[in-house]
């Protein structure tokens, strides 16, 4: 506990000591680094805002829940699939949206099959669209279609295996 409280002040003191030893102007280095960070934010923020808008529109439209109900009709345990589809859909798009869905799924109980499966999906996949939008726009990569295909395939495999493992091990 005490280490977590003191780690940032200790790192700042070490940085200042190193700046003094190397005879560097720490304040001007900090200011130039802050300026670079602001320039990076200027490049990244439009992509992040677009992702947030897309998530809000999809979530508020009810389209994902409808897709979950349609997919759920094809399975015997339709409630399970209906509850998991929003998690599987939003996880590659937004970490915050998937955490909100995970929270609502786990309200039925932390030991429920839906909560375990949603937790496995949360841990076995990444926010693909967010990562591509953020990192690729920051270094100005415009040809990302092959990366998107590979990343979505990895997300699909992660989601499928999370569901299979949950059903085999915890069902």
N, C-alpha and C. Protein backbone atom coordinates (compact mmCIF):
# COMPACT_ATOMS: atom_id res chain seq x y z
N UNK A 1 0.83 -1.20 0.00
CA UNK A 1 0.00 0.00 0.00
C UNK A 1 0.87 1.26 0.00
N UNK A 2 1.87 1.29 0.87
CA UNK A 2 2.71 2.47 0.98
C UNK A 2 3.54 2.67 -0.29
N UNK A 3 3.91 1.57 -0.96
CA UNK A 3 4.69 1.67 -2.19
C UNK A 3 3.87 2.36 -3.27
N UNK A 4 2.59 2.01 -3.38
CA UNK A 4 1.74 2.61 -4.40
C UNK A 4 1.54 4.11 -4.17
N UNK A 5 1.60 4.54 -2.95
CA UNK A 5 1.45 5.95 -2.64
C UNK A 5 2.74 6.72 -2.95
N UNK A 6 3.87 6.10 -2.72
CA UNK A 6 5.15 6.79 -2.85
C UNK A 6 5.82 6.64 -4.20
N UNK A 7 5.37 5.76 -5.06
CA UNK A 7 6.10 5.47 -6.29
C UNK A 7 6.22 6.68 -7.22
N UNK A 8 5.16 7.45 -7.41
CA UNK A 8 5.23 8.61 -8.30
C UNK A 8 6.12 9.71 -7.74
N UNK A 9 6.00 10.08 -6.46
CA UNK A 9 6.95 11.08 -5.94
C UNK A 9 8.40 10.61 -6.02
N UNK A 10 8.64 9.33 -5.78
CA UNK A 10 10.01 8.81 -5.86
C UNK A 10 10.54 8.91 -7.29
N UNK A 11 9.71 8.55 -8.26
CA UNK A 11 10.13 8.65 -9.66
C UNK A 11 10.40 10.10 -10.07
N UNK A 12 9.59 11.03 -9.59
CA UNK A 12 9.83 12.45 -9.89
C UNK A 12 11.15 12.94 -9.27
N UNK A 13 11.41 12.52 -8.06
CA UNK A 13 12.65 12.92 -7.40
C UNK A 13 13.85 12.33 -8.14
N UNK A 14 13.76 11.07 -8.55
CA UNK A 14 14.85 10.44 -9.31
C UNK A 14 15.06 11.17 -10.63
N UNK A 15 13.99 11.55 -11.31
CA UNK A 15 14.11 12.28 -12.57
C UNK A 15 14.79 13.63 -12.36
N UNK A 16 14.42 14.32 -11.30
CA UNK A 16 15.05 15.62 -11.01
C UNK A 16 16.53 15.46 -10.66
N UNK A 17 16.86 14.43 -9.89
CA UNK A 17 18.26 14.18 -9.53
C UNK A 17 19.08 13.87 -10.79
N UNK A 18 18.53 13.04 -11.66
CA UNK A 18 19.22 12.71 -12.91
C UNK A 18 19.39 13.95 -13.79
N UNK A 19 18.39 14.82 -13.83
CA UNK A 19 18.50 16.06 -14.61
C UNK A 19 19.59 16.95 -14.05
N UNK A 20 19.70 17.02 -12.74
CA UNK A 20 20.75 17.84 -12.11
C UNK A 20 22.13 17.25 -12.40
N UNK A 21 22.24 15.92 -12.27
CA UNK A 21 23.54 15.26 -12.52
C UNK A 21 23.97 15.45 -13.96
N UNK A 22 23.05 15.30 -14.89
CA UNK A 22 23.38 15.42 -16.32
C UNK A 22 23.35 16.87 -16.81
N UNK A 23 23.05 17.80 -15.90
CA UNK A 23 23.01 19.23 -16.20
C UNK A 23 22.04 19.55 -17.34
N UNK A 24 20.82 19.00 -17.22
CA UNK A 24 19.75 19.24 -18.19
C UNK A 24 18.72 20.16 -17.55
N UNK A 25 18.06 20.93 -18.38
CA UNK A 25 16.98 21.80 -17.90
C UNK A 25 15.69 20.98 -17.87
N UNK A 26 15.34 20.50 -16.69
CA UNK A 26 14.19 19.61 -16.54
C UNK A 26 12.89 20.32 -16.89
N UNK A 27 12.78 21.59 -16.53
CA UNK A 27 11.53 22.30 -16.79
C UNK A 27 11.29 22.47 -18.29
N UNK A 28 12.32 22.87 -19.05
CA UNK A 28 12.12 23.03 -20.50
C UNK A 28 11.88 21.68 -21.17
N UNK A 29 12.52 20.62 -20.68
CA UNK A 29 12.25 19.28 -21.23
C UNK A 29 10.81 18.87 -20.96
N UNK A 30 10.32 19.20 -19.75
CA UNK A 30 8.93 18.90 -19.42
C UNK A 30 7.98 19.69 -20.31
N UNK A 31 8.27 20.96 -20.51
CA UNK A 31 7.41 21.80 -21.36
C UNK A 31 7.40 21.32 -22.81
N UNK A 32 8.55 20.96 -23.35
CA UNK A 32 8.57 20.47 -24.75
C UNK A 32 7.86 19.12 -24.86
N UNK A 33 8.00 18.28 -23.85
CA UNK A 33 7.27 17.01 -23.85
C UNK A 33 5.77 17.22 -23.76
N UNK A 34 5.36 18.19 -22.97
CA UNK A 34 3.93 18.51 -22.87
C UNK A 34 3.39 19.03 -24.19
N UNK A 35 4.18 19.84 -24.88
CA UNK A 35 3.77 20.37 -26.18
C UNK A 35 3.62 19.23 -27.20
N UNK A 36 4.55 18.29 -27.20
CA UNK A 36 4.43 17.13 -28.09
C UNK A 36 3.19 16.31 -27.76
N UNK A 37 2.90 16.17 -26.47
CA UNK A 37 1.70 15.44 -26.05
C UNK A 37 0.43 16.12 -26.52
N UNK A 38 0.39 17.45 -26.48
CA UNK A 38 -0.78 18.19 -26.97
C UNK A 38 -0.94 18.03 -28.47
N UNK A 39 0.18 18.03 -29.20
CA UNK A 39 0.10 17.82 -30.65
C UNK A 39 -0.44 16.43 -30.96
N UNK A 40 0.00 15.44 -30.19
CA UNK A 40 -0.49 14.08 -30.38
C UNK A 40 -1.98 13.99 -30.08
N UNK A 41 -2.43 14.67 -29.01
CA UNK A 41 -3.86 14.68 -28.68
C UNK A 41 -4.67 15.29 -29.81
N UNK A 42 -4.14 16.35 -30.42
CA UNK A 42 -4.84 17.01 -31.53
C UNK A 42 -5.05 16.04 -32.69
N UNK A 43 -4.09 15.14 -32.91
CA UNK A 43 -4.20 14.16 -33.99
C UNK A 43 -5.11 12.99 -33.62
N UNK A 44 -5.13 12.61 -32.36
CA UNK A 44 -5.84 11.40 -31.93
C UNK A 44 -7.31 11.66 -31.59
N UNK A 45 -7.62 12.80 -31.02
CA UNK A 45 -8.96 13.06 -30.49
C UNK A 45 -10.08 12.87 -31.52
N UNK A 46 -9.94 13.28 -32.78
CA UNK A 46 -11.04 13.02 -33.73
C UNK A 46 -11.38 11.53 -33.89
N UNK A 47 -10.36 10.68 -33.90
CA UNK A 47 -10.62 9.24 -34.01
C UNK A 47 -11.34 8.72 -32.77
N UNK A 48 -10.92 9.17 -31.62
CA UNK A 48 -11.55 8.72 -30.37
C UNK A 48 -13.00 9.19 -30.30
N UNK A 49 -13.26 10.42 -30.69
CA UNK A 49 -14.63 10.95 -30.67
C UNK A 49 -15.51 10.16 -31.64
N UNK A 50 -14.98 9.82 -32.82
CA UNK A 50 -15.75 9.03 -33.78
C UNK A 50 -16.09 7.66 -33.20
N UNK A 51 -15.15 7.02 -32.50
CA UNK A 51 -15.42 5.72 -31.89
C UNK A 51 -16.48 5.83 -30.80
N UNK A 52 -16.39 6.86 -29.99
CA UNK A 52 -17.37 7.05 -28.91
C UNK A 52 -18.76 7.27 -29.49
N UNK A 53 -18.86 8.08 -30.54
CA UNK A 53 -20.16 8.31 -31.19
C UNK A 53 -20.73 7.03 -31.76
N UNK A 54 -19.89 6.23 -32.40
CA UNK A 54 -20.36 4.96 -32.98
C UNK A 54 -20.89 4.03 -31.89
N UNK A 55 -20.19 3.94 -30.77
CA UNK A 55 -20.62 3.07 -29.67
C UNK A 55 -21.94 3.55 -29.09
N UNK A 56 -22.07 4.85 -28.88
CA UNK A 56 -23.30 5.40 -28.31
C UNK A 56 -24.49 5.15 -29.25
N UNK A 57 -24.29 5.36 -30.53
CA UNK A 57 -25.36 5.15 -31.51
C UNK A 57 -25.78 3.68 -31.53
N UNK A 58 -24.80 2.79 -31.58
CA UNK A 58 -25.12 1.35 -31.62
C UNK A 58 -25.82 0.90 -30.34
N UNK A 59 -25.34 1.39 -29.22
CA UNK A 59 -25.92 0.95 -27.94
C UNK A 59 -27.33 1.50 -27.76
N UNK A 60 -27.55 2.75 -28.09
CA UNK A 60 -28.86 3.35 -27.86
C UNK A 60 -29.89 2.93 -28.91
N UNK A 61 -29.45 2.46 -30.05
CA UNK A 61 -30.40 2.05 -31.09
C UNK A 61 -31.09 0.74 -30.77
N UNK A 62 -30.48 -0.09 -29.93
CA UNK A 62 -31.06 -1.39 -29.60
C UNK A 62 -30.78 -2.46 -30.63
N UNK A 63 -29.99 -2.13 -31.65
CA UNK A 63 -29.69 -3.07 -32.71
C UNK A 63 -28.94 -4.29 -32.19
N UNK A 64 -28.02 -4.09 -31.28
CA UNK A 64 -27.21 -5.20 -30.76
C UNK A 64 -28.08 -6.17 -29.96
N UNK A 65 -28.98 -5.65 -29.17
CA UNK A 65 -29.89 -6.53 -28.41
C UNK A 65 -30.78 -7.33 -29.36
N UNK A 66 -31.23 -6.69 -30.43
CA UNK A 66 -32.05 -7.41 -31.41
C UNK A 66 -31.26 -8.51 -32.10
N UNK A 67 -30.01 -8.23 -32.44
CA UNK A 67 -29.16 -9.26 -33.04
C UNK A 67 -28.96 -10.41 -32.06
N UNK A 68 -28.76 -10.08 -30.79
CA UNK A 68 -28.61 -11.11 -29.76
C UNK A 68 -29.84 -11.99 -29.65
N UNK A 69 -31.01 -11.40 -29.75
CA UNK A 69 -32.25 -12.19 -29.67
C UNK A 69 -32.40 -13.10 -30.89
N UNK A 70 -32.03 -12.60 -32.06
CA UNK A 70 -32.11 -13.42 -33.27
C UNK A 70 -31.14 -14.59 -33.20
N UNK A 71 -29.90 -14.31 -32.78
CA UNK A 71 -28.91 -15.38 -32.65
C UNK A 71 -29.32 -16.35 -31.54
N UNK A 72 -29.88 -15.83 -30.46
CA UNK A 72 -30.30 -16.67 -29.34
C UNK A 72 -31.37 -17.67 -29.71
N UNK A 73 -32.20 -17.35 -30.71
CA UNK A 73 -33.26 -18.28 -31.13
C UNK A 73 -32.69 -19.54 -31.77
N UNK A 74 -31.46 -19.48 -32.26
CA UNK A 74 -30.85 -20.64 -32.91
C UNK A 74 -30.25 -21.62 -31.90
N UNK A 75 -30.18 -21.25 -30.63
CA UNK A 75 -29.56 -22.09 -29.61
C UNK A 75 -30.58 -22.49 -28.57
N UNK A 76 -30.29 -23.60 -27.89
CA UNK A 76 -31.21 -24.09 -26.86
C UNK A 76 -31.20 -23.18 -25.64
N UNK A 77 -30.05 -22.69 -25.27
CA UNK A 77 -29.93 -21.79 -24.13
C UNK A 77 -29.93 -20.35 -24.64
N UNK A 78 -31.10 -19.89 -25.07
CA UNK A 78 -31.17 -18.59 -25.75
C UNK A 78 -30.86 -17.41 -24.84
N UNK A 79 -31.21 -17.49 -23.55
CA UNK A 79 -30.90 -16.38 -22.64
C UNK A 79 -29.40 -16.17 -22.51
N UNK A 80 -28.66 -17.27 -22.45
CA UNK A 80 -27.21 -17.20 -22.34
C UNK A 80 -26.63 -16.47 -23.55
N UNK A 81 -27.01 -16.87 -24.73
CA UNK A 81 -26.48 -16.26 -25.96
C UNK A 81 -26.94 -14.81 -26.07
N UNK A 82 -28.19 -14.54 -25.75
CA UNK A 82 -28.72 -13.18 -25.84
C UNK A 82 -27.95 -12.23 -24.93
N UNK A 83 -27.55 -12.71 -23.75
CA UNK A 83 -26.79 -11.86 -22.81
C UNK A 83 -25.34 -11.69 -23.21
N UNK A 84 -24.78 -12.66 -23.94
CA UNK A 84 -23.37 -12.62 -24.29
C UNK A 84 -23.10 -11.85 -25.58
N UNK A 85 -24.05 -11.83 -26.52
CA UNK A 85 -23.84 -11.18 -27.82
C UNK A 85 -23.44 -9.70 -27.68
N UNK A 86 -24.08 -8.89 -26.84
CA UNK A 86 -23.63 -7.50 -26.73
C UNK A 86 -22.17 -7.39 -26.26
N UNK A 87 -21.78 -8.28 -25.36
CA UNK A 87 -20.39 -8.27 -24.89
C UNK A 87 -19.44 -8.63 -26.03
N UNK A 88 -19.79 -9.66 -26.78
CA UNK A 88 -18.95 -10.10 -27.89
C UNK A 88 -18.88 -9.04 -28.98
N UNK A 89 -19.94 -8.28 -29.16
CA UNK A 89 -19.96 -7.27 -30.20
C UNK A 89 -19.20 -6.01 -29.80
N UNK A 90 -19.40 -5.55 -28.56
CA UNK A 90 -18.80 -4.28 -28.14
C UNK A 90 -17.34 -4.41 -27.69
N UNK A 91 -16.90 -5.60 -27.33
CA UNK A 91 -15.53 -5.74 -26.85
C UNK A 91 -14.49 -5.27 -27.87
N UNK A 92 -14.59 -5.62 -29.15
CA UNK A 92 -13.58 -5.11 -30.10
C UNK A 92 -13.71 -3.61 -30.37
N UNK A 93 -14.82 -3.01 -29.99
CA UNK A 93 -15.05 -1.60 -30.29
C UNK A 93 -14.61 -0.70 -29.15
N UNK A 94 -15.05 -1.00 -27.94
CA UNK A 94 -14.82 -0.09 -26.83
C UNK A 94 -14.64 -0.84 -25.52
N UNK A 95 -13.57 -0.52 -24.82
CA UNK A 95 -13.34 -1.12 -23.52
C UNK A 95 -14.35 -0.68 -22.49
N UNK A 96 -14.71 0.61 -22.50
CA UNK A 96 -15.67 1.12 -21.52
C UNK A 96 -17.06 0.53 -21.75
N UNK A 97 -17.47 0.42 -23.01
CA UNK A 97 -18.78 -0.16 -23.29
C UNK A 97 -18.81 -1.63 -22.88
N UNK A 98 -17.72 -2.36 -23.15
CA UNK A 98 -17.71 -3.77 -22.78
C UNK A 98 -17.66 -3.94 -21.26
N UNK A 99 -16.99 -3.04 -20.56
CA UNK A 99 -17.00 -3.11 -19.09
C UNK A 99 -18.39 -2.82 -18.54
N UNK A 100 -19.11 -1.88 -19.15
CA UNK A 100 -20.48 -1.60 -18.71
C UNK A 100 -21.37 -2.82 -18.95
N UNK A 101 -21.19 -3.47 -20.09
CA UNK A 101 -21.98 -4.67 -20.37
C UNK A 101 -21.60 -5.79 -19.41
N UNK A 102 -20.31 -5.95 -19.15
CA UNK A 102 -19.84 -6.95 -18.19
C UNK A 102 -20.46 -6.71 -16.83
N UNK A 103 -20.52 -5.46 -16.42
CA UNK A 103 -21.13 -5.11 -15.13
C UNK A 103 -22.61 -5.51 -15.10
N UNK A 104 -23.33 -5.21 -16.18
CA UNK A 104 -24.76 -5.55 -16.18
C UNK A 104 -24.98 -7.06 -16.26
N UNK A 105 -24.10 -7.78 -16.98
CA UNK A 105 -24.23 -9.24 -17.06
C UNK A 105 -23.95 -9.87 -15.71
N UNK A 106 -22.97 -9.34 -14.99
CA UNK A 106 -22.57 -9.94 -13.72
C UNK A 106 -23.48 -9.57 -12.55
N UNK A 107 -24.47 -8.71 -12.78
CA UNK A 107 -25.41 -8.37 -11.72
C UNK A 107 -26.30 -9.57 -11.35
N UNK A 108 -26.43 -10.52 -12.28
CA UNK A 108 -27.20 -11.72 -11.97
C UNK A 108 -26.47 -12.60 -10.98
N UNK A 109 -25.18 -12.44 -10.89
CA UNK A 109 -24.36 -13.21 -9.96
C UNK A 109 -22.98 -13.43 -10.54
N UNK A 110 -21.95 -13.25 -9.72
CA UNK A 110 -20.59 -13.39 -10.25
C UNK A 110 -20.22 -14.82 -10.63
N UNK A 111 -20.96 -15.79 -10.13
CA UNK A 111 -20.67 -17.18 -10.45
C UNK A 111 -21.57 -17.73 -11.55
N UNK A 112 -22.39 -16.87 -12.15
CA UNK A 112 -23.26 -17.35 -13.22
C UNK A 112 -22.44 -17.62 -14.48
N UNK A 113 -22.97 -18.49 -15.31
CA UNK A 113 -22.28 -18.85 -16.55
C UNK A 113 -22.12 -17.64 -17.45
N UNK A 114 -23.12 -16.76 -17.48
CA UNK A 114 -23.02 -15.55 -18.31
C UNK A 114 -21.89 -14.65 -17.83
N UNK A 115 -21.76 -14.47 -16.52
CA UNK A 115 -20.72 -13.60 -15.97
C UNK A 115 -19.34 -14.19 -16.23
N UNK A 116 -19.20 -15.48 -16.04
CA UNK A 116 -17.90 -16.13 -16.29
C UNK A 116 -17.53 -16.01 -17.76
N UNK A 117 -18.49 -16.25 -18.64
CA UNK A 117 -18.22 -16.17 -20.07
C UNK A 117 -17.87 -14.75 -20.48
N UNK A 118 -18.63 -13.77 -19.99
CA UNK A 118 -18.34 -12.37 -20.31
C UNK A 118 -16.97 -11.96 -19.78
N UNK A 119 -16.60 -12.46 -18.60
CA UNK A 119 -15.28 -12.16 -18.05
C UNK A 119 -14.18 -12.78 -18.89
N UNK A 120 -14.41 -14.00 -19.36
CA UNK A 120 -13.43 -14.63 -20.24
C UNK A 120 -13.29 -13.87 -21.56
N UNK A 121 -14.41 -13.40 -22.10
CA UNK A 121 -14.35 -12.59 -23.33
C UNK A 121 -13.58 -11.30 -23.07
N UNK A 122 -13.84 -10.67 -21.93
CA UNK A 122 -13.15 -9.42 -21.58
C UNK A 122 -11.65 -9.64 -21.50
N UNK A 123 -11.24 -10.78 -20.96
CA UNK A 123 -9.82 -11.04 -20.80
C UNK A 123 -9.12 -11.61 -22.01
N UNK A 124 -9.87 -12.17 -22.93
CA UNK A 124 -9.22 -12.86 -24.05
C UNK A 124 -9.27 -12.08 -25.36
N UNK A 125 -9.81 -10.88 -25.35
CA UNK A 125 -9.88 -10.07 -26.55
C UNK A 125 -9.38 -8.66 -26.25
N UNK A 126 -9.29 -7.86 -27.30
CA UNK A 126 -8.82 -6.49 -27.12
C UNK A 126 -9.77 -5.53 -27.82
N UNK A 127 -9.61 -4.27 -27.56
CA UNK A 127 -10.44 -3.24 -28.19
C UNK A 127 -9.82 -2.89 -29.54
N UNK A 128 -10.05 -3.73 -30.51
CA UNK A 128 -9.38 -3.67 -31.81
C UNK A 128 -9.58 -2.33 -32.51
N UNK A 129 -10.81 -1.91 -32.66
CA UNK A 129 -11.06 -0.66 -33.39
C UNK A 129 -10.45 0.54 -32.68
N UNK A 130 -10.54 0.55 -31.36
CA UNK A 130 -9.96 1.64 -30.59
C UNK A 130 -8.44 1.67 -30.77
N UNK A 131 -7.80 0.51 -30.67
CA UNK A 131 -6.34 0.45 -30.81
C UNK A 131 -5.91 0.88 -32.20
N UNK A 132 -6.59 0.40 -33.22
CA UNK A 132 -6.23 0.78 -34.58
C UNK A 132 -6.45 2.28 -34.80
N UNK A 133 -7.60 2.78 -34.35
CA UNK A 133 -7.88 4.21 -34.53
C UNK A 133 -6.87 5.07 -33.78
N UNK A 134 -6.54 4.69 -32.58
CA UNK A 134 -5.65 5.49 -31.76
C UNK A 134 -4.21 5.43 -32.24
N UNK A 135 -3.67 4.23 -32.34
CA UNK A 135 -2.25 4.11 -32.64
C UNK A 135 -1.94 4.38 -34.11
N UNK A 136 -2.77 3.90 -34.99
CA UNK A 136 -2.47 4.12 -36.41
C UNK A 136 -2.63 5.58 -36.79
N UNK A 137 -3.62 6.27 -36.21
CA UNK A 137 -3.76 7.69 -36.54
C UNK A 137 -2.63 8.52 -35.92
N UNK A 138 -2.10 8.08 -34.80
CA UNK A 138 -1.03 8.86 -34.17
C UNK A 138 0.27 8.78 -34.95
N UNK A 139 0.49 7.70 -35.70
CA UNK A 139 1.71 7.60 -36.51
C UNK A 139 1.39 7.67 -38.00
N UNK A 140 0.17 8.10 -38.30
CA UNK A 140 -0.27 8.41 -39.66
C UNK A 140 -0.21 7.22 -40.63
N UNK A 141 -0.60 6.05 -40.13
CA UNK A 141 -0.72 4.88 -41.01
C UNK A 141 -2.14 4.88 -41.56
N UNK A 142 -2.27 4.85 -42.87
CA UNK A 142 -3.60 4.87 -43.49
C UNK A 142 -3.99 3.53 -44.08
N UNK A 143 -3.05 2.66 -44.34
CA UNK A 143 -3.35 1.34 -44.90
C UNK A 143 -3.39 0.32 -43.77
N UNK A 144 -4.58 0.12 -43.20
CA UNK A 144 -4.71 -0.75 -42.04
C UNK A 144 -5.68 -1.89 -42.26
N UNK A 145 -6.14 -2.13 -43.49
CA UNK A 145 -7.17 -3.14 -43.70
C UNK A 145 -6.69 -4.55 -43.36
N UNK A 146 -5.43 -4.88 -43.64
CA UNK A 146 -4.92 -6.22 -43.32
C UNK A 146 -4.79 -6.39 -41.80
N UNK A 147 -4.39 -5.34 -41.13
CA UNK A 147 -4.31 -5.38 -39.67
C UNK A 147 -5.69 -5.59 -39.07
N UNK A 148 -6.68 -4.89 -39.61
CA UNK A 148 -8.04 -5.03 -39.11
C UNK A 148 -8.56 -6.45 -39.30
N UNK A 149 -8.32 -7.04 -40.46
CA UNK A 149 -8.77 -8.41 -40.70
C UNK A 149 -8.12 -9.38 -39.72
N UNK A 150 -6.82 -9.27 -39.55
CA UNK A 150 -6.12 -10.18 -38.64
C UNK A 150 -6.57 -9.97 -37.19
N UNK A 151 -6.74 -8.72 -36.79
CA UNK A 151 -7.15 -8.43 -35.41
C UNK A 151 -8.58 -8.90 -35.14
N UNK A 152 -9.49 -8.70 -36.09
CA UNK A 152 -10.87 -9.16 -35.91
C UNK A 152 -10.94 -10.69 -35.91
N UNK A 153 -10.10 -11.33 -36.71
CA UNK A 153 -10.05 -12.79 -36.68
C UNK A 153 -9.56 -13.27 -35.31
N UNK A 154 -8.54 -12.60 -34.76
CA UNK A 154 -8.05 -12.95 -33.42
C UNK A 154 -9.13 -12.71 -32.37
N UNK A 155 -9.88 -11.63 -32.49
CA UNK A 155 -10.99 -11.37 -31.57
C UNK A 155 -12.05 -12.45 -31.68
N UNK A 156 -12.39 -12.85 -32.91
CA UNK A 156 -13.38 -13.90 -33.12
C UNK A 156 -12.94 -15.21 -32.45
N UNK A 157 -11.69 -15.57 -32.65
CA UNK A 157 -11.16 -16.79 -32.04
C UNK A 157 -11.19 -16.67 -30.51
N UNK A 158 -10.79 -15.53 -29.99
CA UNK A 158 -10.81 -15.32 -28.54
C UNK A 158 -12.20 -15.41 -27.97
N UNK A 159 -13.18 -14.82 -28.65
CA UNK A 159 -14.57 -14.86 -28.18
C UNK A 159 -15.11 -16.29 -28.27
N UNK A 160 -14.85 -16.94 -29.38
CA UNK A 160 -15.34 -18.32 -29.56
C UNK A 160 -14.74 -19.25 -28.51
N UNK A 161 -13.44 -19.15 -28.28
CA UNK A 161 -12.81 -20.01 -27.28
C UNK A 161 -13.27 -19.68 -25.87
N UNK A 162 -13.52 -18.41 -25.59
CA UNK A 162 -14.03 -18.03 -24.27
C UNK A 162 -15.39 -18.67 -24.03
N UNK A 163 -16.25 -18.64 -25.03
CA UNK A 163 -17.58 -19.26 -24.89
C UNK A 163 -17.45 -20.77 -24.75
N UNK A 164 -16.60 -21.39 -25.58
CA UNK A 164 -16.41 -22.85 -25.52
C UNK A 164 -15.84 -23.26 -24.17
N UNK A 165 -14.80 -22.59 -23.70
CA UNK A 165 -14.22 -22.93 -22.42
C UNK A 165 -15.21 -22.75 -21.28
N UNK A 166 -15.98 -21.68 -21.31
CA UNK A 166 -16.97 -21.46 -20.26
C UNK A 166 -18.01 -22.57 -20.25
N UNK A 167 -18.47 -22.95 -21.45
CA UNK A 167 -19.48 -24.01 -21.51
C UNK A 167 -18.93 -25.37 -21.11
N UNK A 168 -17.69 -25.65 -21.50
CA UNK A 168 -17.10 -26.97 -21.18
C UNK A 168 -16.67 -27.06 -19.72
N UNK A 169 -16.03 -26.01 -19.23
CA UNK A 169 -15.46 -26.09 -17.88
C UNK A 169 -16.46 -25.70 -16.79
N UNK A 170 -17.27 -24.68 -17.02
CA UNK A 170 -18.11 -24.15 -15.95
C UNK A 170 -19.59 -24.51 -16.07
N UNK A 171 -19.98 -25.20 -17.12
CA UNK A 171 -21.40 -25.54 -17.29
C UNK A 171 -21.73 -26.84 -16.61
